[in-house]
Amino acid sequence: MKKDIDFHPVTGVKLAIAKEMVNGMEEWGVYIINLNLIELNTVMITSKGYGNINGEEKKTSVLRHMIQELGAESIAKIEPIDPDLFLLNNEFWVSYYILDQIFDKKFVFKAGMVKKENLLWIPELGLEGILSP
């Protein structure tokens, strides 16, 4: 059972929503950044959006992603993201192993958080975006 699993605090792992120009078009993506000096194994990520738009409850489908191995000090693109979803809370649940220990954390980008005036340069990506809180 989940209560019997010893989850360790997540350190050195961040999520980012960043934009890049592809063929003259602006594209947004969600990235995982491993700042640790050791690889992450069996990285499982679920994502979903939820919230209210114009007083109407909205929810997206739950997407699931798997990265078998994320090297030390490396990044991976998890998924593209439509800017219309920035009006919702975007939640990413990340679980992974380092050696035989499991780590687990929920990252939430709050509704309205991803906007031009909040963009920062993310050196690991070489792109402008928002880092997870």
N, C-alpha and C. Protein backbone atom coordinates (compact mmCIF):
# COMPACT_ATOMS: atom_id res chain seq x y z
N MET A 1 0.84 -1.18 0.00
CA MET A 1 0.00 0.00 0.00
C MET A 1 0.88 1.25 0.00
N LYS A 2 0.31 2.33 -0.52
CA LYS A 2 1.09 3.56 -0.65
C LYS A 2 1.61 4.05 0.70
N LYS A 3 0.83 3.87 1.76
CA LYS A 3 1.28 4.34 3.08
C LYS A 3 2.50 3.59 3.59
N ASP A 4 2.76 2.43 3.02
CA ASP A 4 3.91 1.63 3.43
C ASP A 4 5.19 1.95 2.66
N ILE A 5 5.08 2.80 1.63
CA ILE A 5 6.24 3.17 0.83
C ILE A 5 6.91 4.38 1.45
N ASP A 6 8.21 4.32 1.59
CA ASP A 6 8.98 5.42 2.17
C ASP A 6 9.41 6.37 1.04
N PHE A 7 8.64 7.46 0.85
CA PHE A 7 8.96 8.45 -0.18
C PHE A 7 9.95 9.46 0.40
N HIS A 8 10.97 9.78 -0.38
CA HIS A 8 11.98 10.74 0.04
C HIS A 8 11.68 12.10 -0.59
N PRO A 9 12.10 13.19 0.06
CA PRO A 9 11.85 14.51 -0.52
C PRO A 9 12.61 14.70 -1.84
N VAL A 10 11.95 15.37 -2.76
CA VAL A 10 12.53 15.63 -4.07
C VAL A 10 13.43 16.85 -3.99
N THR A 11 14.67 16.69 -4.46
CA THR A 11 15.60 17.80 -4.57
C THR A 11 16.29 17.71 -5.93
N GLY A 12 16.61 18.84 -6.49
CA GLY A 12 17.36 18.86 -7.74
C GLY A 12 16.57 18.52 -8.98
N VAL A 13 15.25 18.46 -8.87
CA VAL A 13 14.39 18.20 -10.02
C VAL A 13 13.39 19.34 -10.13
N LYS A 14 13.31 19.93 -11.33
CA LYS A 14 12.38 21.04 -11.57
C LYS A 14 11.59 20.76 -12.83
N LEU A 15 10.44 21.40 -12.92
CA LEU A 15 9.66 21.40 -14.15
C LEU A 15 9.63 22.82 -14.67
N ALA A 16 9.53 22.95 -15.97
CA ALA A 16 9.46 24.27 -16.60
C ALA A 16 8.46 24.21 -17.74
N ILE A 17 7.76 25.31 -17.93
CA ILE A 17 6.97 25.52 -19.14
C ILE A 17 7.69 26.63 -19.89
N ALA A 18 8.12 26.30 -21.11
CA ALA A 18 8.95 27.25 -21.86
C ALA A 18 8.48 27.34 -23.30
N LYS A 19 8.83 28.47 -23.93
CA LYS A 19 8.45 28.65 -25.34
C LYS A 19 9.69 28.67 -26.21
N GLU A 20 9.49 28.20 -27.43
CA GLU A 20 10.56 28.25 -28.42
C GLU A 20 9.94 28.57 -29.77
N MET A 21 10.77 29.05 -30.66
CA MET A 21 10.32 29.34 -32.02
C MET A 21 10.68 28.16 -32.91
N VAL A 22 9.67 27.60 -33.57
CA VAL A 22 9.86 26.48 -34.48
C VAL A 22 9.24 26.85 -35.81
N ASN A 23 10.07 26.95 -36.85
CA ASN A 23 9.61 27.35 -38.18
C ASN A 23 8.81 28.66 -38.14
N GLY A 24 9.30 29.61 -37.33
CA GLY A 24 8.67 30.91 -37.23
C GLY A 24 7.41 30.94 -36.39
N MET A 25 7.06 29.81 -35.77
CA MET A 25 5.86 29.74 -34.93
C MET A 25 6.27 29.53 -33.48
N GLU A 26 5.54 30.17 -32.57
CA GLU A 26 5.79 30.02 -31.14
C GLU A 26 5.18 28.69 -30.67
N GLU A 27 6.00 27.86 -30.04
CA GLU A 27 5.53 26.59 -29.49
C GLU A 27 5.92 26.51 -28.02
N TRP A 28 5.00 26.01 -27.20
CA TRP A 28 5.22 25.86 -25.78
C TRP A 28 5.39 24.38 -25.44
N GLY A 29 6.23 24.11 -24.46
CA GLY A 29 6.44 22.74 -24.03
C GLY A 29 6.69 22.67 -22.53
N VAL A 30 6.49 21.47 -21.99
CA VAL A 30 6.76 21.20 -20.58
C VAL A 30 8.03 20.35 -20.52
N TYR A 31 8.96 20.75 -19.66
CA TYR A 31 10.26 20.09 -19.57
C TYR A 31 10.53 19.66 -18.13
N ILE A 32 11.24 18.56 -18.00
CA ILE A 32 11.75 18.15 -16.69
C ILE A 32 13.26 18.39 -16.72
N ILE A 33 13.77 18.97 -15.62
CA ILE A 33 15.18 19.31 -15.51
C ILE A 33 15.76 18.55 -14.32
N ASN A 34 16.75 17.72 -14.58
CA ASN A 34 17.44 16.99 -13.52
C ASN A 34 18.76 17.71 -13.24
N LEU A 35 18.83 18.38 -12.11
CA LEU A 35 20.04 19.09 -11.70
C LEU A 35 20.97 18.21 -10.87
N ASN A 36 20.52 17.01 -10.55
CA ASN A 36 21.30 16.09 -9.73
C ASN A 36 22.52 15.56 -10.48
N LEU A 37 23.51 15.11 -9.74
CA LEU A 37 24.72 14.54 -10.33
C LEU A 37 24.57 13.03 -10.53
N ILE A 38 23.34 12.54 -10.47
CA ILE A 38 23.05 11.12 -10.67
C ILE A 38 21.80 11.01 -11.54
N GLU A 39 21.72 9.94 -12.29
CA GLU A 39 20.57 9.75 -13.19
C GLU A 39 19.31 9.37 -12.42
N LEU A 40 18.18 9.68 -13.04
CA LEU A 40 16.87 9.28 -12.53
C LEU A 40 16.40 8.12 -13.39
N ASN A 41 15.78 7.13 -12.76
CA ASN A 41 15.30 5.96 -13.49
C ASN A 41 13.79 5.82 -13.35
N THR A 42 13.17 5.26 -14.35
CA THR A 42 11.74 4.98 -14.38
C THR A 42 10.97 6.23 -13.95
N VAL A 43 11.16 7.31 -14.67
CA VAL A 43 10.49 8.58 -14.38
C VAL A 43 9.06 8.50 -14.94
N MET A 44 8.09 8.57 -14.04
CA MET A 44 6.67 8.52 -14.44
C MET A 44 6.04 9.87 -14.15
N ILE A 45 5.34 10.41 -15.14
CA ILE A 45 4.74 11.74 -15.01
C ILE A 45 3.29 11.66 -15.47
N THR A 46 2.38 12.16 -14.64
CA THR A 46 1.00 12.34 -15.08
C THR A 46 0.73 13.83 -15.11
N SER A 47 -0.07 14.26 -16.08
CA SER A 47 -0.40 15.67 -16.18
C SER A 47 -1.89 15.84 -16.38
N LYS A 48 -2.41 16.92 -15.82
CA LYS A 48 -3.82 17.26 -16.02
C LYS A 48 -4.01 18.74 -15.77
N GLY A 49 -5.05 19.28 -16.37
CA GLY A 49 -5.43 20.67 -16.14
C GLY A 49 -6.82 20.72 -15.53
N TYR A 50 -7.04 21.73 -14.68
CA TYR A 50 -8.36 21.87 -14.05
C TYR A 50 -8.55 23.30 -13.57
N GLY A 51 -9.80 23.71 -13.45
CA GLY A 51 -10.12 25.05 -12.96
C GLY A 51 -11.40 25.57 -13.56
N ASN A 52 -11.63 26.87 -13.38
CA ASN A 52 -12.83 27.53 -13.88
C ASN A 52 -12.46 28.53 -14.97
N ILE A 53 -13.23 28.51 -16.04
CA ILE A 53 -13.10 29.52 -17.09
C ILE A 53 -14.49 30.09 -17.31
N ASN A 54 -14.62 31.40 -17.07
CA ASN A 54 -15.91 32.09 -17.19
C ASN A 54 -16.99 31.40 -16.36
N GLY A 55 -16.62 30.99 -15.13
CA GLY A 55 -17.58 30.38 -14.22
C GLY A 55 -17.93 28.93 -14.53
N GLU A 56 -17.30 28.36 -15.52
CA GLU A 56 -17.58 26.98 -15.90
C GLU A 56 -16.39 26.09 -15.53
N GLU A 57 -16.70 24.99 -14.83
CA GLU A 57 -15.67 24.04 -14.42
C GLU A 57 -15.10 23.33 -15.65
N LYS A 58 -13.76 23.33 -15.76
CA LYS A 58 -13.08 22.70 -16.89
C LYS A 58 -12.04 21.70 -16.37
N LYS A 59 -11.91 20.57 -17.07
CA LYS A 59 -10.88 19.58 -16.77
C LYS A 59 -10.35 19.02 -18.07
N THR A 60 -9.06 18.74 -18.11
CA THR A 60 -8.47 18.10 -19.28
C THR A 60 -8.37 16.60 -19.02
N SER A 61 -8.03 15.87 -20.03
CA SER A 61 -7.72 14.46 -19.87
C SER A 61 -6.43 14.32 -19.08
N VAL A 62 -6.26 13.20 -18.42
CA VAL A 62 -5.01 12.91 -17.74
C VAL A 62 -4.08 12.24 -18.74
N LEU A 63 -2.88 12.79 -18.88
CA LEU A 63 -1.86 12.21 -19.77
C LEU A 63 -0.79 11.55 -18.91
N ARG A 64 -0.26 10.45 -19.40
CA ARG A 64 0.78 9.73 -18.67
C ARG A 64 2.02 9.61 -19.56
N HIS A 65 3.17 9.82 -18.95
CA HIS A 65 4.43 9.78 -19.68
C HIS A 65 5.43 8.93 -18.89
N MET A 66 6.35 8.32 -19.62
CA MET A 66 7.38 7.51 -18.98
C MET A 66 8.72 7.82 -19.65
N ILE A 67 9.71 8.10 -18.84
CA ILE A 67 11.08 8.28 -19.31
C ILE A 67 11.90 7.21 -18.59
N GLN A 68 12.44 6.28 -19.33
CA GLN A 68 13.16 5.16 -18.71
C GLN A 68 14.36 5.64 -17.92
N GLU A 69 15.12 6.59 -18.50
CA GLU A 69 16.31 7.09 -17.82
C GLU A 69 16.52 8.55 -18.18
N LEU A 70 16.71 9.39 -17.16
CA LEU A 70 17.03 10.80 -17.36
C LEU A 70 18.40 11.03 -16.74
N GLY A 71 19.38 11.25 -17.59
CA GLY A 71 20.78 11.36 -17.16
C GLY A 71 21.03 12.47 -16.15
N ALA A 72 22.16 12.37 -15.50
CA ALA A 72 22.60 13.41 -14.56
C ALA A 72 22.69 14.75 -15.30
N GLU A 73 22.26 15.80 -14.64
CA GLU A 73 22.31 17.16 -15.18
C GLU A 73 21.79 17.23 -16.62
N SER A 74 20.60 16.71 -16.84
CA SER A 74 20.04 16.72 -18.19
C SER A 74 18.57 17.13 -18.15
N ILE A 75 18.01 17.30 -19.34
CA ILE A 75 16.61 17.72 -19.48
C ILE A 75 15.91 16.79 -20.45
N ALA A 76 14.57 16.79 -20.37
CA ALA A 76 13.75 16.07 -21.34
C ALA A 76 12.44 16.83 -21.52
N LYS A 77 11.97 16.86 -22.75
CA LYS A 77 10.67 17.46 -23.02
C LYS A 77 9.61 16.42 -22.69
N ILE A 78 8.67 16.80 -21.84
CA ILE A 78 7.60 15.88 -21.43
C ILE A 78 6.48 15.89 -22.45
N GLU A 79 6.01 17.10 -22.79
CA GLU A 79 4.88 17.21 -23.72
C GLU A 79 4.76 18.64 -24.22
N PRO A 80 4.16 18.80 -25.39
CA PRO A 80 3.80 20.16 -25.83
C PRO A 80 2.58 20.60 -25.01
N ILE A 81 2.38 21.90 -24.90
CA ILE A 81 1.21 22.40 -24.17
C ILE A 81 0.61 23.58 -24.92
N ASP A 82 -0.70 23.56 -25.04
CA ASP A 82 -1.44 24.62 -25.72
C ASP A 82 -1.57 25.82 -24.78
N PRO A 83 -1.22 27.03 -25.22
CA PRO A 83 -1.32 28.21 -24.36
C PRO A 83 -2.72 28.47 -23.79
N ASP A 84 -3.76 27.94 -24.45
CA ASP A 84 -5.12 28.09 -23.90
C ASP A 84 -5.23 27.41 -22.53
N LEU A 85 -4.38 26.43 -22.26
CA LEU A 85 -4.41 25.72 -20.98
C LEU A 85 -3.81 26.53 -19.84
N PHE A 86 -3.16 27.65 -20.15
CA PHE A 86 -2.57 28.49 -19.11
C PHE A 86 -3.65 29.16 -18.26
N LEU A 87 -4.91 29.12 -18.72
CA LEU A 87 -6.03 29.65 -17.94
C LEU A 87 -6.45 28.67 -16.84
N LEU A 88 -5.92 27.46 -16.89
CA LEU A 88 -6.23 26.43 -15.90
C LEU A 88 -5.01 26.17 -15.01
N ASN A 89 -5.24 25.51 -13.88
CA ASN A 89 -4.13 24.97 -13.09
C ASN A 89 -3.61 23.77 -13.85
N ASN A 90 -2.31 23.68 -14.01
CA ASN A 90 -1.69 22.55 -14.70
C ASN A 90 -0.85 21.79 -13.69
N GLU A 91 -1.27 20.55 -13.43
CA GLU A 91 -0.66 19.72 -12.39
C GLU A 91 0.15 18.59 -13.03
N PHE A 92 1.35 18.39 -12.51
CA PHE A 92 2.24 17.34 -12.97
C PHE A 92 2.71 16.54 -11.76
N TRP A 93 2.38 15.25 -11.74
CA TRP A 93 2.81 14.38 -10.65
C TRP A 93 4.00 13.58 -11.15
N VAL A 94 5.16 13.74 -10.50
CA VAL A 94 6.41 13.12 -10.95
C VAL A 94 6.89 12.11 -9.91
N SER A 95 7.16 10.90 -10.37
CA SER A 95 7.74 9.85 -9.53
C SER A 95 8.94 9.27 -10.26
N TYR A 96 9.98 8.94 -9.51
CA TYR A 96 11.18 8.36 -10.13
C TYR A 96 12.01 7.64 -9.08
N TYR A 97 12.95 6.87 -9.57
CA TYR A 97 13.88 6.15 -8.70
C TYR A 97 15.28 6.71 -8.87
N ILE A 98 15.99 6.79 -7.74
CA ILE A 98 17.45 6.96 -7.73
C ILE A 98 17.96 5.75 -6.96
N LEU A 99 18.72 4.93 -7.68
CA LEU A 99 19.15 3.63 -7.15
C LEU A 99 17.88 2.84 -6.80
N ASP A 100 17.68 2.46 -5.54
CA ASP A 100 16.48 1.71 -5.20
C ASP A 100 15.49 2.52 -4.37
N GLN A 101 15.68 3.84 -4.32
CA GLN A 101 14.80 4.71 -3.55
C GLN A 101 13.81 5.42 -4.47
N ILE A 102 12.54 5.51 -4.05
CA ILE A 102 11.52 6.18 -4.85
C ILE A 102 11.32 7.61 -4.34
N PHE A 103 11.13 8.52 -5.29
CA PHE A 103 10.89 9.93 -5.00
C PHE A 103 9.60 10.33 -5.70
N ASP A 104 8.87 11.26 -5.12
CA ASP A 104 7.53 11.58 -5.61
C ASP A 104 7.20 13.02 -5.26
N LYS A 105 6.70 13.78 -6.25
CA LYS A 105 6.33 15.18 -5.97
C LYS A 105 5.29 15.66 -6.97
N LYS A 106 4.39 16.52 -6.47
CA LYS A 106 3.38 17.16 -7.32
C LYS A 106 3.83 18.59 -7.58
N PHE A 107 3.88 18.96 -8.86
CA PHE A 107 4.21 20.31 -9.29
C PHE A 107 2.94 20.92 -9.87
N VAL A 108 2.59 22.15 -9.45
CA VAL A 108 1.39 22.80 -9.97
C VAL A 108 1.75 24.20 -10.48
N PHE A 109 1.42 24.45 -11.74
CA PHE A 109 1.51 25.79 -12.31
C PHE A 109 0.10 26.36 -12.20
N LYS A 110 -0.09 27.35 -11.33
CA LYS A 110 -1.41 27.93 -11.08
C LYS A 110 -1.94 28.66 -12.31
N ALA A 111 -3.26 28.71 -12.40
CA ALA A 111 -3.93 29.40 -13.50
C ALA A 111 -3.41 30.83 -13.62
N GLY A 112 -3.08 31.26 -14.81
CA GLY A 112 -2.60 32.62 -15.06
C GLY A 112 -1.13 32.84 -14.74
N MET A 113 -0.45 31.84 -14.24
CA MET A 113 0.96 31.98 -13.86
C MET A 113 1.87 32.13 -15.08
N VAL A 114 1.54 31.42 -16.15
CA VAL A 114 2.37 31.46 -17.35
C VAL A 114 1.88 32.59 -18.24
N LYS A 115 2.60 33.71 -18.17
CA LYS A 115 2.29 34.87 -19.01
C LYS A 115 3.58 35.63 -19.26
N LYS A 116 3.56 36.46 -20.29
CA LYS A 116 4.77 37.14 -20.76
C LYS A 116 5.56 37.84 -19.66
N GLU A 117 4.86 38.58 -18.79
CA GLU A 117 5.57 39.36 -17.77
C GLU A 117 6.23 38.47 -16.70
N ASN A 118 5.89 37.18 -16.63
CA ASN A 118 6.51 36.27 -15.66
C ASN A 118 7.64 35.43 -16.24
N LEU A 119 7.89 35.55 -17.55
CA LEU A 119 8.90 34.71 -18.18
C LEU A 119 10.30 35.07 -17.70
N LEU A 120 11.09 34.04 -17.47
CA LEU A 120 12.49 34.19 -17.07
C LEU A 120 13.35 33.36 -18.01
N TRP A 121 14.61 33.72 -18.13
CA TRP A 121 15.55 32.93 -18.92
C TRP A 121 15.91 31.68 -18.11
N ILE A 122 15.74 30.51 -18.71
CA ILE A 122 16.07 29.26 -18.05
C ILE A 122 17.33 28.71 -18.73
N PRO A 123 18.49 28.91 -18.09
CA PRO A 123 19.76 28.56 -18.75
C PRO A 123 19.87 27.08 -19.13
N GLU A 124 19.31 26.18 -18.32
CA GLU A 124 19.40 24.76 -18.64
C GLU A 124 18.71 24.43 -19.97
N LEU A 125 17.67 25.19 -20.30
CA LEU A 125 16.92 24.98 -21.54
C LEU A 125 17.39 25.87 -22.67
N GLY A 126 17.97 27.01 -22.31
CA GLY A 126 18.30 28.01 -23.31
C GLY A 126 17.05 28.65 -23.88
N LEU A 127 15.99 28.71 -23.04
CA LEU A 127 14.69 29.24 -23.46
C LEU A 127 14.11 30.12 -22.36
N GLU A 128 13.13 30.96 -22.73
CA GLU A 128 12.37 31.71 -21.75
C GLU A 128 11.19 30.86 -21.30
N GLY A 129 10.86 30.95 -20.00
CA GLY A 129 9.73 30.20 -19.50
C GLY A 129 9.50 30.45 -18.02
N ILE A 130 8.76 29.55 -17.43
CA ILE A 130 8.40 29.62 -16.02
C ILE A 130 8.89 28.34 -15.37
N LEU A 131 9.60 28.45 -14.25
CA LEU A 131 10.01 27.28 -13.48
C LEU A 131 8.93 26.93 -12.46
N SER A 132 8.82 25.67 -12.16
CA SER A 132 7.83 25.20 -11.18
C SER A 132 8.11 25.82 -9.83
N PRO A 133 7.03 26.10 -9.11
CA PRO A 133 7.22 26.65 -7.75
C PRO A 133 7.74 25.60 -6.78
